[in-house]
C-alpha atoms as a PDB file:
ATOM      1  CA  UNK A   1      10.047  10.336   4.802  1.00  0.00           C
ATOM      2  CA  UNK A   2      11.277   7.078   6.518  1.00  0.00           C
ATOM      3  CA  UNK A   3      10.044   4.269   4.200  1.00  0.00           C
ATOM      4  CA  UNK A   4      10.241   0.156   3.893  1.00  0.00           C
ATOM      5  CA  UNK A   5      10.179  -2.356   1.321  1.00  0.00           C
ATOM      6  CA  UNK A   6       7.748  -4.821   1.180  1.00  0.00           C
ATOM      7  CA  UNK A   7       7.774  -8.181  -0.025  1.00  0.00           C
ATOM      8  CA  UNK A   8       4.938 -10.572  -0.762  1.00  0.00           C
ATOM      9  CA  UNK A   9       4.041 -13.645  -1.741  1.00  0.00           C
ATOM     10  CA  UNK A  10       0.341 -15.953  -2.628  1.00  0.00           C
ATOM     11  CA  UNK A  11      -0.746 -18.830  -2.919  1.00  0.00           C
ATOM     12  CA  UNK A  12      -4.154 -21.290  -3.940  1.00  0.00           C
ATOM     13  CA  UNK A  13      -4.931 -24.710  -3.423  1.00  0.00           C
ATOM     14  CA  UNK A  14      -8.204 -26.535  -4.217  1.00  0.00           C
ATOM     15  CA  UNK A  15      -7.133 -29.029  -0.976  1.00  0.00           C
ATOM     16  CA  UNK A  16      -7.647 -32.425  -0.911  1.00  0.00           C
ATOM     17  CA  UNK A  17     -11.239 -32.908  -0.638  1.00  0.00           C
ATOM     18  CA  UNK A  18     -13.121 -30.205  -3.138  1.00  0.00           C
ATOM     19  CA  UNK A  19     -13.028 -30.993  -6.749  1.00  0.00           C
ATOM     20  CA  UNK A  20     -12.703 -27.304  -7.813  1.00  0.00           C
ATOM     21  CA  UNK A  21     -11.202 -24.228  -6.267  1.00  0.00           C
ATOM     22  CA  UNK A  22     -13.269 -21.248  -5.543  1.00  0.00           C
ATOM     23  CA  UNK A  23     -11.121 -19.074  -4.262  1.00  0.00           C
ATOM     24  CA  UNK A  24      -9.276 -16.147  -5.955  1.00  0.00           C
ATOM     25  CA  UNK A  25      -6.800 -13.666  -4.797  1.00  0.00           C
ATOM     26  CA  UNK A  26      -5.012 -10.691  -6.056  1.00  0.00           C
ATOM     27  CA  UNK A  27      -1.833  -8.475  -5.135  1.00  0.00           C
ATOM     28  CA  UNK A  28      -0.725  -5.451  -6.964  1.00  0.00           C
ATOM     29  CA  UNK A  29       1.389  -1.846  -6.282  1.00  0.00           C
ATOM     30  CA  UNK A  30      -0.132   0.798  -7.452  1.00  0.00           C
ATOM     31  CA  UNK A  31       2.087   3.258  -9.309  1.00  0.00           C
ATOM     32  CA  UNK A  32       1.397   6.933 -11.030  1.00  0.00           C
ATOM     33  CA  UNK A  33       1.872   6.573 -14.247  1.00  0.00           C
ATOM     34  CA  UNK A  34       2.159   8.313 -18.133  1.00  0.00           C
ATOM     35  CA  UNK A  35       1.883   6.733 -21.491  1.00  0.00           C
ATOM     36  CA  UNK A  36       3.845   9.211 -23.733  1.00  0.00           C
ATOM     37  CA  UNK A  37       2.598  10.217 -27.212  1.00  0.00           C
ATOM     38  CA  UNK A  38       5.158  12.058 -28.333  1.00  0.00           C
ATOM     39  CA  UNK A  39       8.444  14.188 -26.833  1.00  0.00           C
ATOM     40  CA  UNK A  40      11.259  15.669 -28.147  1.00  0.00           C
ATOM     41  CA  UNK A  41      13.376  13.900 -25.682  1.00  0.00           C
ATOM     42  CA  UNK A  42      15.302  10.769 -26.723  1.00  0.00           C
ATOM     43  CA  UNK A  43      12.485   8.578 -25.586  1.00  0.00           C
ATOM     44  CA  UNK A  44      11.062   5.423 -27.602  1.00  0.00           C
ATOM     45  CA  UNK A  45       7.942   6.438 -28.906  1.00  0.00           C
ATOM     46  CA  UNK A  46       5.048   4.753 -26.569  1.00  0.00           C
ATOM     47  CA  UNK A  47       6.979   4.333 -23.858  1.00  0.00           C
ATOM     48  CA  UNK A  48       5.607   3.970 -20.604  1.00  0.00           C
ATOM     49  CA  UNK A  49       6.795   6.406 -17.464  1.00  0.00           C
ATOM     50  CA  UNK A  50       6.671   4.736 -14.105  1.00  0.00           C
ATOM     51  CA  UNK A  51       6.381   6.863 -11.117  1.00  0.00           C
ATOM     52  CA  UNK A  52       6.879   6.196  -7.382  1.00  0.00           C
ATOM     53  CA  UNK A  53       4.464   3.564  -5.759  1.00  0.00           C
ATOM     54  CA  UNK A  54       1.056   4.984  -4.384  1.00  0.00           C
ATOM     55  CA  UNK A  55       0.493   1.529  -2.396  1.00  0.00           C
ATOM     56  CA  UNK A  56      -0.028  -1.816  -2.329  1.00  0.00           C
ATOM     57  CA  UNK A  57      -3.436  -3.487  -2.342  1.00  0.00           C
ATOM     58  CA  UNK A  58      -4.384  -7.084  -1.731  1.00  0.00           C
ATOM     59  CA  UNK A  59      -7.204  -8.828  -1.904  1.00  0.00           C
ATOM     60  CA  UNK A  60      -8.554 -12.443  -0.954  1.00  0.00           C
ATOM     61  CA  UNK A  61     -12.046 -13.649  -2.106  1.00  0.00           C
ATOM     62  CA  UNK A  62     -14.320 -16.923  -1.242  1.00  0.00           C
ATOM     63  CA  UNK A  63     -16.504 -18.006  -3.175  1.00  0.00           C
ATOM     64  CA  UNK A  64     -19.882 -20.205  -2.616  1.00  0.00           C
ATOM     65  CA  UNK A  65     -23.195 -21.411  -4.901  1.00  0.00           C
ATOM     66  CA  UNK A  66     -21.872 -24.613  -6.363  1.00  0.00           C
ATOM     67  CA  UNK A  67     -19.341 -25.228  -8.925  1.00  0.00           C
ATOM     68  CA  UNK A  68     -19.231 -22.796 -11.787  1.00  0.00           C
ATOM     69  CA  UNK A  69     -21.420 -20.064  -9.247  1.00  0.00           C
ATOM     70  CA  UNK A  70     -18.841 -19.894  -6.053  1.00  0.00           C
ATOM     71  CA  UNK A  71     -15.330 -19.658  -9.047  1.00  0.00           C
ATOM     72  CA  UNK A  72     -17.203 -16.831 -10.818  1.00  0.00           C
ATOM     73  CA  UNK A  73     -18.651 -14.469  -7.475  1.00  0.00           C
ATOM     74  CA  UNK A  74     -14.722 -14.661  -6.157  1.00  0.00           C
ATOM     75  CA  UNK A  75     -13.549 -13.914  -9.396  1.00  0.00           C
ATOM     76  CA  UNK A  76     -16.195 -11.271 -10.517  1.00  0.00           C
ATOM     77  CA  UNK A  77     -15.340  -9.706  -6.867  1.00  0.00           C
ATOM     78  CA  UNK A  78     -11.698  -9.372  -7.639  1.00  0.00           C
ATOM     79  CA  UNK A  79     -12.422  -8.131 -11.243  1.00  0.00           C
ATOM     80  CA  UNK A  80     -14.720  -5.464 -10.037  1.00  0.00           C
ATOM     81  CA  UNK A  81     -12.715  -4.250  -7.787  1.00  0.00           C
ATOM     82  CA  UNK A  82      -9.551  -4.086 -10.048  1.00  0.00           C
ATOM     83  CA  UNK A  83     -10.989  -2.019 -12.831  1.00  0.00           C
ATOM     84  CA  UNK A  84     -12.802   0.516  -9.907  1.00  0.00           C
ATOM     85  CA  UNK A  85      -9.221   0.766  -8.573  1.00  0.00           C
ATOM     86  CA  UNK A  86      -8.113   1.777 -12.113  1.00  0.00           C
ATOM     87  CA  UNK A  87     -10.773   3.921 -13.051  1.00  0.00           C
ATOM     88  CA  UNK A  88     -12.623   5.632 -10.126  1.00  0.00           C
ATOM     89  CA  UNK A  89     -10.533   5.346  -6.600  1.00  0.00           C
ATOM     90  CA  UNK A  90      -9.387   8.563  -4.948  1.00  0.00           C
ATOM     91  CA  UNK A  91      -6.070   6.961  -4.406  1.00  0.00           C
ATOM     92  CA  UNK A  92      -4.964  10.142  -1.312  1.00  0.00           C
ATOM     93  CA  UNK A  93      -2.516   9.142   0.562  1.00  0.00           C
ATOM     94  CA  UNK A  94      -3.442  10.950   4.111  1.00  0.00           C
ATOM     95  CA  UNK A  95      -1.189  12.503   6.944  1.00  0.00           C
ATOM     96  CA  UNK A  96      -3.172  10.194   9.244  1.00  0.00           C
ATOM     97  CA  UNK A  97      -5.513   7.729   9.791  1.00  0.00           C
ATOM     98  CA  UNK A  98      -8.286  10.321  10.663  1.00  0.00           C
ATOM     99  CA  UNK A  99      -7.798  11.830   7.010  1.00  0.00           C
ATOM    100  CA  UNK A 100      -9.033   9.434   5.275  1.00  0.00           C
ATOM    101  CA  UNK A 101     -12.562   9.372   5.068  1.00  0.00           C
ATOM    102  CA  UNK A 102     -12.404   9.941   0.753  1.00  0.00           C
ATOM    103  CA  UNK A 103     -10.807   6.855   0.711  1.00  0.00           C
ATOM    104  CA  UNK A 104     -13.166   4.966   2.822  1.00  0.00           C
ATOM    105  CA  UNK A 105     -15.852   5.983   1.383  1.00  0.00           C
ATOM    106  CA  UNK A 106     -14.806   5.047  -1.883  1.00  0.00           C
ATOM    107  CA  UNK A 107     -14.108   1.187  -0.904  1.00  0.00           C
ATOM    108  CA  UNK A 108     -17.075   1.131   1.104  1.00  0.00           C
ATOM    109  CA  UNK A 109     -18.890   2.090  -2.336  1.00  0.00           C
ATOM    110  CA  UNK A 110     -17.018  -0.323  -4.286  1.00  0.00           C
ATOM    111  CA  UNK A 111     -17.847  -3.062  -1.939  1.00  0.00           C
ATOM    112  CA  UNK A 112     -21.462  -2.605  -2.225  1.00  0.00           C
ATOM    113  CA  UNK A 113     -21.757  -2.078  -6.070  1.00  0.00           C
ATOM    114  CA  UNK A 114     -19.780  -5.611  -6.344  1.00  0.00           C
ATOM    115  CA  UNK A 115     -22.406  -6.656  -4.225  1.00  0.00           C
ATOM    116  CA  UNK A 116     -24.937  -5.720  -6.757  1.00  0.00           C
ATOM    117  CA  UNK A 117     -23.023  -6.955  -9.923  1.00  0.00           C
ATOM    118  CA  UNK A 118     -22.791 -10.161  -8.381  1.00  0.00           C
ATOM    119  CA  UNK A 119     -26.755  -9.919  -7.726  1.00  0.00           C
ATOM    120  CA  UNK A 120     -27.432  -9.305 -11.170  1.00  0.00           C
ATOM    121  CA  UNK A 121     -25.196 -11.895 -13.114  1.00  0.00           C
ATOM    122  CA  UNK A 122     -26.901 -14.299 -10.642  1.00  0.00           C
ATOM    123  CA  UNK A 123     -30.077 -13.197 -11.976  1.00  0.00           C
ATOM    124  CA  UNK A 124     -29.390 -13.067 -15.591  1.00  0.00           C
ATOM    125  CA  UNK A 125     -27.978 -16.238 -15.697  1.00  0.00           C
ATOM    126  CA  UNK A 126     -29.911 -18.807 -13.736  1.00  0.00           C
ATOM    127  CA  UNK A 127     -27.387 -20.834 -13.231  1.00  0.00           C
ATOM    128  CA  UNK A 128     -25.725 -18.908 -11.259  1.00  0.00           C
ATOM    129  CA  UNK A 129     -28.474 -18.255  -8.774  1.00  0.00           C
ATOM    130  CA  UNK A 130     -27.459 -18.438  -5.410  1.00  0.00           C
ATOM    131  CA  UNK A 131     -23.855 -17.398  -5.888  1.00  0.00           C
ATOM    132  CA  UNK A 132     -22.064 -15.389  -4.047  1.00  0.00           C
ATOM    133  CA  UNK A 133     -18.616 -14.728  -2.025  1.00  0.00           C
ATOM    134  CA  UNK A 134     -16.381 -13.432   0.888  1.00  0.00           C
ATOM    135  CA  UNK A 135     -13.912 -10.598  -0.003  1.00  0.00           C
ATOM    136  CA  UNK A 136     -11.119  -9.393   2.218  1.00  0.00           C
ATOM    137  CA  UNK A 137      -8.788  -6.506   0.954  1.00  0.00           C
ATOM    138  CA  UNK A 138      -5.941  -4.817   2.854  1.00  0.00           C
ATOM    139  CA  UNK A 139      -4.274  -1.508   1.107  1.00  0.00           C
ATOM    140  CA  UNK A 140      -0.948  -0.012   2.172  1.00  0.00           C
ATOM    141  CA  UNK A 141       0.282   3.034   1.462  1.00  0.00           C
ATOM    142  CA  UNK A 142       3.026   3.320   4.007  1.00  0.00           C
ATOM    143  CA  UNK A 143       2.525   3.423   6.825  1.00  0.00           C
ATOM    144  CA  UNK A 144      -1.098   3.026   7.236  1.00  0.00           C
ATOM    145  CA  UNK A 145      -3.058  -0.189   6.070  1.00  0.00           C
ATOM    146  CA  UNK A 146      -6.540   0.328   5.445  1.00  0.00           C
ATOM    147  CA  UNK A 147      -8.580  -3.218   5.988  1.00  0.00           C
ATOM    148  CA  UNK A 148     -12.077  -3.837   3.896  1.00  0.00           C
ATOM    149  CA  UNK A 149     -13.732  -6.866   5.076  1.00  0.00           C
ATOM    150  CA  UNK A 150     -16.875  -9.030   4.347  1.00  0.00           C
ATOM    151  CA  UNK A 151     -17.490 -12.547   5.402  1.00  0.00           C
ATOM    152  CA  UNK A 152     -15.003 -15.211   6.918  1.00  0.00           C
ATOM    153  CA  UNK A 153     -11.880 -14.647   5.343  1.00  0.00           C
ATOM    154  CA  UNK A 154      -9.492 -13.256   7.491  1.00  0.00           C
ATOM    155  CA  UNK A 155      -6.511 -10.893   7.745  1.00  0.00           C
ATOM    156  CA  UNK A 156      -4.173 -11.050  10.924  1.00  0.00           C
ATOM    157  CA  UNK A 157      -0.847  -8.622  11.944  1.00  0.00           C
ATOM    158  CA  UNK A 158       2.323 -10.403  12.944  1.00  0.00           C
ATOM    159  CA  UNK A 159       4.134  -7.915  14.994  1.00  0.00           C
ATOM    160  CA  UNK A 160       7.116  -8.259  17.471  1.00  0.00           C
ATOM    161  CA  UNK A 161       6.257 -12.217  18.354  1.00  0.00           C
ATOM    162  CA  UNK A 162       2.430 -11.702  18.219  1.00  0.00           C
ATOM    163  CA  UNK A 163      -0.427 -12.626  16.109  1.00  0.00           C
ATOM    164  CA  UNK A 164      -3.345 -10.099  16.243  1.00  0.00           C
ATOM    165  CA  UNK A 165      -6.551 -10.975  14.049  1.00  0.00           C
ATOM    166  CA  UNK A 166      -7.675  -7.814  12.526  1.00  0.00           C
ATOM    167  CA  UNK A 167     -11.378  -9.243  11.650  1.00  0.00           C
ATOM    168  CA  UNK A 168     -13.662 -10.868  12.448  1.00  0.00           C
ATOM    169  CA  UNK A 169     -15.827 -13.562  11.172  1.00  0.00           C
ATOM    170  CA  UNK A 170     -19.391 -12.511   9.663  1.00  0.00           C
ATOM    171  CA  UNK A 171     -20.243 -16.106  10.664  1.00  0.00           C
ATOM    172  CA  UNK A 172     -23.192 -17.198  12.891  1.00  0.00           C
ATOM    173  CA  UNK A 173     -21.173 -19.104  14.948  1.00  0.00           C
ATOM    174  CA  UNK A 174     -19.298 -15.955  15.788  1.00  0.00           C
ATOM    175  CA  UNK A 175     -22.071 -13.984  16.570  1.00  0.00           C
ATOM    176  CA  UNK A 176     -23.346 -16.903  19.590  1.00  0.00           C
ATOM    177  CA  UNK A 177     -20.054 -16.491  20.659  1.00  0.00           C
ATOM    178  CA  UNK A 178     -20.637 -12.786  21.091  1.00  0.00           C
ATOM    179  CA  UNK A 179     -23.959 -13.406  22.688  1.00  0.00           C
ATOM    180  CA  UNK A 180     -22.694 -16.087  24.600  1.00  0.00           C
ATOM    181  CA  UNK A 181     -24.465 -18.724  23.626  1.00  0.00           C
ATOM    182  CA  UNK A 182     -21.471 -20.705  22.199  1.00  0.00           C
ATOM    183  CA  UNK A 183     -18.002 -21.215  23.244  1.00  0.00           C
ATOM    184  CA  UNK A 184     -15.143 -19.827  21.244  1.00  0.00           C
ATOM    185  CA  UNK A 185     -12.809 -23.209  21.275  1.00  0.00           C
ATOM    186  CA  UNK A 186     -16.174 -24.640  19.904  1.00  0.00           C
ATOM    187  CA  UNK A 187     -16.674 -22.041  17.076  1.00  0.00           C
ATOM    188  CA  UNK A 188     -14.708 -23.597  14.351  1.00  0.00           C
ATOM    189  CA  UNK A 189     -15.994 -27.145  14.831  1.00  0.00           C
ATOM    190  CA  UNK A 190     -19.535 -25.131  14.960  1.00  0.00           C
ATOM    191  CA  UNK A 191     -21.917 -26.564  12.136  1.00  0.00           C
ATOM    192  CA  UNK A 192     -22.977 -22.939  12.169  1.00  0.00           C
ATOM    193  CA  UNK A 193     -19.322 -21.521  11.072  1.00  0.00           C
ATOM    194  CA  UNK A 194     -20.208 -22.521   7.963  1.00  0.00           C
ATOM    195  CA  UNK A 195     -23.050 -20.181   7.697  1.00  0.00           C
ATOM    196  CA  UNK A 196     -22.537 -16.623   6.846  1.00  0.00           C
ATOM    197  CA  UNK A 197     -24.284 -13.975   7.880  1.00  0.00           C
ATOM    198  CA  UNK A 198     -22.436 -11.075   5.701  1.00  0.00           C
ATOM    199  CA  UNK A 199     -20.824 -11.874   1.915  1.00  0.00           C
ATOM    200  CA  UNK A 200     -20.956 -10.317  -1.586  1.00  0.00           C
ATOM    201  CA  UNK A 201     -24.364 -11.345  -3.141  1.00  0.00           C
ATOM    202  CA  UNK A 202     -25.678 -15.100  -2.040  1.00  0.00           C
ATOM    203  CA  UNK A 203     -29.305 -13.298  -2.249  1.00  0.00           C
ATOM    204  CA  UNK A 204     -28.845 -11.076   0.476  1.00  0.00           C
ATOM    205  CA  UNK A 205     -30.437  -7.538   0.322  1.00  0.00           C
ATOM    206  CA  UNK A 206     -27.362  -5.694   1.399  1.00  0.00           C
ATOM    207  CA  UNK A 207     -23.543  -6.332   1.937  1.00  0.00           C
ATOM    208  CA  UNK A 208     -21.741  -4.560   5.324  1.00  0.00           C
ATOM    209  CA  UNK A 209     -18.051  -3.356   5.170  1.00  0.00           C
ATOM    210  CA  UNK A 210     -16.144  -3.614   8.210  1.00  0.00           C
ATOM    211  CA  UNK A 211     -13.089  -1.367   7.936  1.00  0.00           C
ATOM    212  CA  UNK A 212      -9.923  -1.637  10.226  1.00  0.00           C
ATOM    213  CA  UNK A 213      -7.144   0.811  10.281  1.00  0.00           C
ATOM    214  CA  UNK A 214      -3.609   0.253  11.568  1.00  0.00           C
ATOM    215  CA  UNK A 215      -0.308   1.909  11.680  1.00  0.00           C
ATOM    216  CA  UNK A 216       2.198  -0.802  10.518  1.00  0.00           C
ATOM    217  CA  UNK A 217       5.558  -1.066  11.325  1.00  0.00           C
ATOM    218  CA  UNK A 218       8.867  -2.165  10.089  1.00  0.00           C
ATOM    219  CA  UNK A 219       9.153  -5.737  10.151  1.00  0.00           C
ATOM    220  CA  UNK A 220       5.149  -6.043  10.403  1.00  0.00           C
ATOM    221  CA  UNK A 221       4.275  -9.183   8.432  1.00  0.00           C
ATOM    222  CA  UNK A 222       0.618  -9.423   7.229  1.00  0.00           C
ATOM    223  CA  UNK A 223      -1.246 -11.801   6.390  1.00  0.00           C
ATOM    224  CA  UNK A 224      -4.607 -12.887   4.370  1.00  0.00           C
ATOM    225  CA  UNK A 225      -6.364 -16.575   4.575  1.00  0.00           C
ATOM    226  CA  UNK A 226      -9.908 -18.077   3.077  1.00  0.00           C
ATOM    227  CA  UNK A 227     -11.143 -19.916   5.830  1.00  0.00           C
ATOM    228  CA  UNK A 228      -9.904 -23.053   4.561  1.00  0.00           C
ATOM    229  CA  UNK A 229      -6.802 -22.771   5.943  1.00  0.00           C
ATOM    230  CA  UNK A 230      -8.029 -21.806  10.129  1.00  0.00           C
ATOM    231  CA  UNK A 231     -10.047 -24.965   9.633  1.00  0.00           C
ATOM    232  CA  UNK A 232      -7.163 -26.944   9.745  1.00  0.00           C
ATOM    233  CA  UNK A 233      -4.776 -24.590  11.060  1.00  0.00           C
ATOM    234  CA  UNK A 234      -5.177 -22.479  14.779  1.00  0.00           C
ATOM    235  CA  UNK A 235      -4.130 -19.067  15.537  1.00  0.00           C
ATOM    236  CA  UNK A 236      -1.324 -20.749  17.363  1.00  0.00           C
ATOM    237  CA  UNK A 237       0.465 -22.976  15.024  1.00  0.00           C
ATOM    238  CA  UNK A 238       0.134 -19.766  12.649  1.00  0.00           C
ATOM    239  CA  UNK A 239       2.249 -17.612  14.993  1.00  0.00           C
ATOM    240  CA  UNK A 240       4.929 -20.336  15.499  1.00  0.00           C
ATOM    241  CA  UNK A 241       5.217 -20.504  11.893  1.00  0.00           C
ATOM    242  CA  UNK A 242       5.659 -16.542  11.158  1.00  0.00           C
ATOM    243  CA  UNK A 243       8.056 -16.131  14.425  1.00  0.00           C
ATOM    244  CA  UNK A 244       9.799 -19.807  12.309  1.00  0.00           C
ATOM    245  CA  UNK A 245      10.542 -17.568   9.359  1.00  0.00           C
ATOM    246  CA  UNK A 246       9.796 -14.041   7.924  1.00  0.00           C
ATOM    247  CA  UNK A 247      10.432 -14.798   4.246  1.00  0.00           C
ATOM    248  CA  UNK A 248       6.383 -14.455   2.486  1.00  0.00           C
ATOM    249  CA  UNK A 249       6.897 -17.695   0.049  1.00  0.00           C
ATOM    250  CA  UNK A 250       8.086 -19.814   2.392  1.00  0.00           C
ATOM    251  CA  UNK A 251       5.266 -19.087   5.098  1.00  0.00           C
ATOM    252  CA  UNK A 252       2.324 -19.412   2.079  1.00  0.00           C
ATOM    253  CA  UNK A 253       3.869 -23.047   1.148  1.00  0.00           C
ATOM    254  CA  UNK A 254       4.065 -23.557   4.773  1.00  0.00           C
ATOM    255  CA  UNK A 255       0.315 -23.055   6.080  1.00  0.00           C
ATOM    256  CA  UNK A 256      -0.849 -24.286   2.768  1.00  0.00           C
ATOM    257  CA  UNK A 257       0.636 -27.942   3.182  1.00  0.00           C
ATOM    258  CA  UNK A 258      -0.483 -27.814   6.899  1.00  0.00           C
ATOM    259  CA  UNK A 259      -3.970 -27.001   5.861  1.00  0.00           C
ATOM    260  CA  UNK A 260      -4.050 -29.986   3.376  1.00  0.00           C
ATOM    261  CA  UNK A 261      -1.765 -32.482   6.209  1.00  0.00           C
ATOM    262  CA  UNK A 262      -4.701 -31.233   8.292  1.00  0.00           C
ATOM    263  CA  UNK A 263      -7.535 -32.755   6.491  1.00  0.00           C
ATOM    264  CA  UNK A 264      -7.458 -30.376   3.484  1.00  0.00           C
ATOM    265  CA  UNK A 265     -11.176 -30.457   3.267  1.00  0.00           C
ATOM    266  CA  UNK A 266     -11.649 -26.744   1.600  1.00  0.00           C
ATOM    267  CA  UNK A 267      -9.896 -24.997  -0.589  1.00  0.00           C
ATOM    268  CA  UNK A 268      -6.963 -22.976   1.075  1.00  0.00           C
ATOM    269  CA  UNK A 269      -5.299 -19.293  -0.160  1.00  0.00           C
ATOM    270  CA  UNK A 270      -2.934 -17.677   1.766  1.00  0.00           C
ATOM    271  CA  UNK A 271      -1.563 -14.364   1.021  1.00  0.00           C
ATOM    272  CA  UNK A 272       1.459 -12.794   2.884  1.00  0.00           C
ATOM    273  CA  UNK A 273       3.424  -9.190   2.794  1.00  0.00           C
ATOM    274  CA  UNK A 274       6.243  -8.594   4.800  1.00  0.00           C
ATOM    275  CA  UNK A 275       7.316  -4.765   5.749  1.00  0.00           C
ATOM    276  CA  UNK A 276      11.729  -5.292   5.791  1.00  0.00           C
ATOM    277  CA  UNK A 277      13.178  -3.560   8.255  1.00  0.00           C
ATOM    278  CA  UNK A 278      15.575  -1.472   5.881  1.00  0.00           C
ATOM    279  CA  UNK A 279      15.654   2.341   5.702  1.00  0.00           C
ATOM    280  CA  UNK A 280      16.122   4.402   2.675  1.00  0.00           C
ATOM    281  CA  UNK A 281      15.432   8.092   1.937  1.00  0.00           C
ATOM    282  CA  UNK A 282      12.325   8.672  -0.289  1.00  0.00           C
ATOM    283  CA  UNK A 283      12.838  10.278  -3.621  1.00  0.00           C
ATOM    284  CA  UNK A 284      10.867  10.485  -6.948  1.00  0.00           C
ATOM    285  CA  UNK A 285      11.876   7.379  -9.057  1.00  0.00           C
ATOM    286  CA  UNK A 286      10.885   7.278 -12.308  1.00  0.00           C
ATOM    287  CA  UNK A 287      11.463   4.642 -14.814  1.00  0.00           C
ATOM    288  CA  UNK A 288      10.974   4.260 -18.592  1.00  0.00           C
ATOM    289  CA  UNK A 289       9.758   0.809 -20.734  1.00  0.00           C
ATOM    290  CA  UNK A 290      13.321   1.442 -21.833  1.00  0.00           C
ATOM    291  CA  UNK A 291      16.270   0.361 -19.920  1.00  0.00           C
ATOM    292  CA  UNK A 292      18.890   2.320 -21.997  1.00  0.00           C
ATOM    293  CA  UNK A 293      16.777   5.510 -21.324  1.00  0.00           C
ATOM    294  CA  UNK A 294      16.504   5.314 -18.019  1.00  0.00           C
ATOM    295  CA  UNK A 295      19.375   7.661 -17.141  1.00  0.00           C
ATOM    296  CA  UNK A 296      17.590  10.489 -18.438  1.00  0.00           C
ATOM    297  CA  UNK A 297      15.358  10.232 -15.357  1.00  0.00           C
ATOM    298  CA  UNK A 298      17.411  10.916 -12.303  1.00  0.00           C
ATOM    299  CA  UNK A 299      16.064  10.365  -8.396  1.00  0.00           C
ATOM    300  CA  UNK A 300      14.675  13.478  -7.588  1.00  0.00           C
ATOM    301  CA  UNK A 301      13.990  14.493  -4.059  1.00  0.00           C
ATOM    302  CA  UNK A 302      10.835  14.599  -2.777  1.00  0.00           C
ATOM    303  CA  UNK A 303       9.957  16.082   0.475  1.00  0.00           C
ATOM    304  CA  UNK A 304       7.311  14.878   2.565  1.00  0.00           C
ATOM    305  CA  UNK A 305       7.743  14.402   6.232  1.00  0.00           C
ATOM    306  CA  UNK A 306       9.847  11.602   8.591  1.00  0.00           C
ATOM    307  CA  UNK A 307       8.187   8.728   9.186  1.00  0.00           C
ATOM    308  CA  UNK A 308       9.637   7.330  12.754  1.00  0.00           C
ATOM    309  CA  UNK A 309       9.065   3.167  11.530  1.00  0.00           C
ATOM    310  CA  UNK A 310      10.402   2.167  15.136  1.00  0.00           C
ATOM    311  CA  UNK A 311       7.699   3.397  17.203  1.00  0.00           C
ATOM    312  CA  UNK A 312       5.265   1.362  18.820  1.00  0.00           C
ATOM    313  CA  UNK A 313       1.506   2.229  17.755  1.00  0.00           C
ATOM    314  CA  UNK A 314      -1.451   0.392  19.002  1.00  0.00           C
ATOM    315  CA  UNK A 315      -4.277  -1.502  16.401  1.00  0.00           C
ATOM    316  CA  UNK A 316      -7.149   0.388  15.693  1.00  0.00           C
ATOM    317  CA  UNK A 317     -10.642  -0.684  14.797  1.00  0.00           C
ATOM    318  CA  UNK A 318     -13.650   0.895  13.085  1.00  0.00           C
ATOM    319  CA  UNK A 319     -16.142  -1.513  11.929  1.00  0.00           C
ATOM    320  CA  UNK A 320     -19.523  -1.451  10.966  1.00  0.00           C
ATOM    321  CA  UNK A 321     -22.765  -3.427  12.272  1.00  0.00           C
ATOM    322  CA  UNK A 322     -23.905  -6.404  10.147  1.00  0.00           C
ATOM    323  CA  UNK A 323     -27.167  -8.160  10.292  1.00  0.00           C
ATOM    324  CA  UNK A 324     -27.420 -10.936  13.238  1.00  0.00           C
ATOM    325  CA  UNK A 325     -30.557 -12.688  10.435  1.00  0.00           C
ATOM    326  CA  UNK A 326     -28.086 -15.744   8.029  1.00  0.00           C
ATOM    327  CA  UNK A 327     -28.336 -14.160   4.576  1.00  0.00           C
ATOM    328  CA  UNK A 328     -30.702 -16.754   2.382  1.00  0.00           C
ATOM    329  CA  UNK A 329     -28.301 -19.642   0.707  1.00  0.00           C
ATOM    330  CA  UNK A 330     -25.280 -18.360   2.518  1.00  0.00           C
ATOM    331  CA  UNK A 331     -24.518 -21.852   4.173  1.00  0.00           C
ATOM    332  CA  UNK A 332     -21.750 -23.790   2.658  1.00  0.00           C
ATOM    333  CA  UNK A 333     -20.527 -27.400   3.309  1.00  0.00           C
ATOM    334  CA  UNK A 334     -17.851 -28.211   5.291  1.00  0.00           C
END
């Protein structure tokens, strides 16, 4: 299978107005691992054997609910998904986007369970009452990507000079735009842009998962961000930054700086992944925790179907519906 390396970077900043940072992000590569207990091979005891990558996971969460509540909610969401990914998720490798039903159902269930855990914690500790968080996750198993989303954190795809917003904001302002009651150009400045209609926790009875599926191409750039970015940096400017540099570190730092220069009224988080246009033969690589033992394991052929990374694929969407009634205690300060 043709395969591309993926470069990543993430940064979060409290901005220049807020006293605390309630955003959280996480980037991780998944791989098969064996914890060796005993062997006749000349391998150091308790070595960890790591196989080829299963995929890449990126998460961004934007908390709300006061100083402690917002930080706790966004952190709890990330930690809950980490535990679920490590212990419960069925990380299958579908041959097409239509073969991922189990994975999608797992992700939806995890979102619901994370929502319930945040609600439970807010009921146990009265100082956390009403806490909630947005949540956006991108899982890449080349060349496929699945995006799980609730709230107004965003996921963009930059491809061949064009920027596409893969998620839609679960805000009252966005619903008003869709219903023709508010002009799209005024949505970001509207006071209703801070009223969420879908998020984890925040006193809501349930959370609704939006799922977006994409076939990636080499040279694609995936960008996740909290709304602290798009409050001050519009899509046209984001596109110009991505056109000027494909380095994840530089583009994340540039966008955060621009958000702060534009006012920095909110915490801002930016996570980027670049699918490099480098083709290599896919092999099953095995590494040990000791560099001197790595020669024991050669790169073994791993037969899979060939994938043409140069083909032009349309972005496909599969989203669920959510309530058009604002959830209690989900309005955030501007």
